[in-house]
Amino acid sequence: MEMATELGRALAQADEYQVLKRAVASADDDRAIAESKSELEALEKRIEESLRTGGEPDDELKTEYEDAVGRLQTNTTYQVLVSAQANFEKIILKVNQTIQEGIDKGSESRIVTL
């Protein structure tokens, strides 16, 4: 578990994580993002209700939802957040691959070390 703690500390110090933290904070402070999220949640509830009653959302509702998603996706702060998330996910993927390589090498070894 000590190695996992050290890995967590190293990840927290990575530039990609620091950028992600700042992007999350900026997104949390962005009023347009908050409004878009609220609007999308309300629209999703309406869509779920339509589906739950066995119907299809009407074209107007679909258009409203697509427009709301479009507004969110064109928000610069949101774009920075998505980019930061993708960059940090690349780091996590590399870490997981490296861990898997270590597991594979360790399973081939007959020497047990603790």
Protein backbone atom coordinates (compact mmCIF):
# COMPACT_ATOMS: atom_id res chain seq x y z
CA MET A 1 0.00 0.00 0.00
CA GLU A 2 2.94 2.30 0.54
CA MET A 3 3.78 2.11 -3.16
CA ALA A 4 0.18 3.06 -4.02
CA THR A 5 0.42 6.09 -1.73
CA GLU A 6 3.67 7.13 -3.40
CA LEU A 7 2.09 6.68 -6.82
CA GLY A 8 -0.81 8.90 -5.76
CA ARG A 9 1.59 11.58 -4.58
CA ALA A 10 3.54 11.42 -7.84
CA LEU A 11 0.35 11.69 -9.89
CA ALA A 12 -0.81 14.67 -7.83
CA GLN A 13 2.45 16.44 -8.67
CA ALA A 14 2.22 15.74 -12.41
CA ASP A 15 1.71 18.80 -14.60
CA GLU A 16 -1.31 17.16 -16.22
CA TYR A 17 -3.01 16.75 -12.86
CA GLN A 18 -2.29 20.34 -11.87
CA VAL A 19 -3.79 21.55 -15.16
CA LEU A 20 -6.83 19.32 -14.57
CA LYS A 21 -7.31 20.72 -11.05
CA ARG A 22 -7.25 24.28 -12.37
CA ALA A 23 -9.64 23.38 -15.21
CA VAL A 24 -12.10 21.79 -12.77
CA ALA A 25 -11.96 24.87 -10.53
CA SER A 26 -12.53 27.16 -13.52
CA ALA A 27 -15.46 25.05 -14.72
CA ASP A 28 -16.97 25.09 -11.23
CA ASP A 29 -16.81 28.89 -11.28
CA ASP A 30 -18.21 29.27 -14.80
CA ARG A 31 -21.82 30.43 -14.66
CA ALA A 32 -22.57 29.44 -18.26
CA ILE A 33 -21.44 25.86 -17.57
CA ALA A 34 -23.60 25.71 -14.45
CA GLU A 35 -26.60 26.98 -16.40
CA SER A 36 -25.96 24.50 -19.23
CA LYS A 37 -25.67 21.62 -16.77
CA SER A 38 -28.95 22.59 -15.09
CA GLU A 39 -30.67 22.93 -18.44
CA LEU A 40 -29.36 19.55 -19.60
CA GLU A 41 -30.47 17.87 -16.37
CA ALA A 42 -33.98 19.26 -16.80
CA LEU A 43 -34.10 18.18 -20.43
CA GLU A 44 -32.79 14.71 -19.53
CA LYS A 45 -35.59 14.33 -16.98
CA ARG A 46 -38.13 15.22 -19.65
CA ILE A 47 -36.55 12.72 -22.06
CA GLU A 48 -36.52 10.00 -19.38
CA GLU A 49 -40.18 10.67 -18.65
CA SER A 50 -41.05 10.31 -22.32
CA LEU A 51 -39.17 7.03 -22.52
CA ARG A 52 -40.60 5.76 -19.24
CA THR A 53 -44.14 6.23 -20.53
CA GLY A 54 -43.25 4.26 -23.64
CA GLY A 55 -43.05 7.24 -25.95
CA GLU A 56 -40.37 8.97 -27.89
CA PRO A 57 -39.18 12.48 -27.07
CA ASP A 58 -40.73 14.89 -29.55
CA ASP A 59 -38.59 16.67 -32.13
CA GLU A 60 -38.73 19.95 -30.22
CA LEU A 61 -37.31 18.29 -27.09
CA LYS A 62 -34.59 16.59 -29.12
CA THR A 63 -33.65 19.91 -30.69
CA GLU A 64 -33.59 21.67 -27.32
CA TYR A 65 -31.30 18.96 -25.96
CA GLU A 66 -28.95 19.09 -28.96
CA ASP A 67 -28.79 22.88 -28.74
CA ALA A 68 -27.98 22.75 -25.02
CA VAL A 69 -25.23 20.19 -25.61
CA GLY A 70 -23.87 22.36 -28.42
CA ARG A 71 -23.75 25.44 -26.18
CA LEU A 72 -21.89 23.49 -23.50
CA GLN A 73 -19.41 22.03 -25.97
CA THR A 74 -18.58 25.42 -27.45
CA ASN A 75 -17.85 26.94 -24.05
CA THR A 76 -14.10 27.63 -23.91
CA THR A 77 -13.81 26.72 -20.22
CA TYR A 78 -15.57 23.42 -20.90
CA GLN A 79 -13.23 22.71 -23.82
CA VAL A 80 -10.21 23.31 -21.58
CA LEU A 81 -11.69 20.93 -18.99
CA VAL A 82 -12.29 18.17 -21.54
CA SER A 83 -8.77 18.58 -22.91
CA ALA A 84 -7.25 18.48 -19.42
CA GLN A 85 -9.25 15.34 -18.60
CA ALA A 86 -8.06 13.64 -21.78
CA ASN A 87 -4.44 14.51 -21.08
CA PHE A 88 -4.61 13.20 -17.52
CA GLU A 89 -6.37 10.03 -18.71
CA LYS A 90 -3.38 9.41 -21.01
CA ILE A 91 -1.10 9.53 -17.97
CA ILE A 92 -3.36 7.12 -16.07
CA LEU A 93 -3.45 4.78 -19.06
CA LYS A 94 0.36 4.76 -19.22
CA VAL A 95 0.56 4.12 -15.47
CA ASN A 96 -1.89 1.23 -15.76
CA GLN A 97 0.07 -0.24 -18.68
CA THR A 98 3.30 0.01 -16.73
CA ILE A 99 1.70 -1.64 -13.69
CA GLN A 100 0.40 -4.44 -15.91
CA GLU A 101 3.88 -4.93 -17.36
CA GLY A 102 5.25 -5.20 -13.82
CA ILE A 103 2.57 -7.73 -12.91
CA ASP A 104 3.35 -9.77 -16.01
CA LYS A 105 7.08 -9.74 -15.28
CA GLY A 106 6.45 -10.54 -11.63
CA SER A 107 4.24 -13.50 -12.47
CA GLU A 108 7.03 -14.95 -14.64
CA SER A 109 9.57 -14.74 -11.84
CA ARG A 110 9.97 -17.60 -9.39
CA ILE A 111 11.59 -15.34 -6.80
CA VAL A 112 9.17 -13.96 -4.24
CA THR A 113 10.09 -10.56 -2.79
CA LEU A 114 8.17 -8.50 -0.30
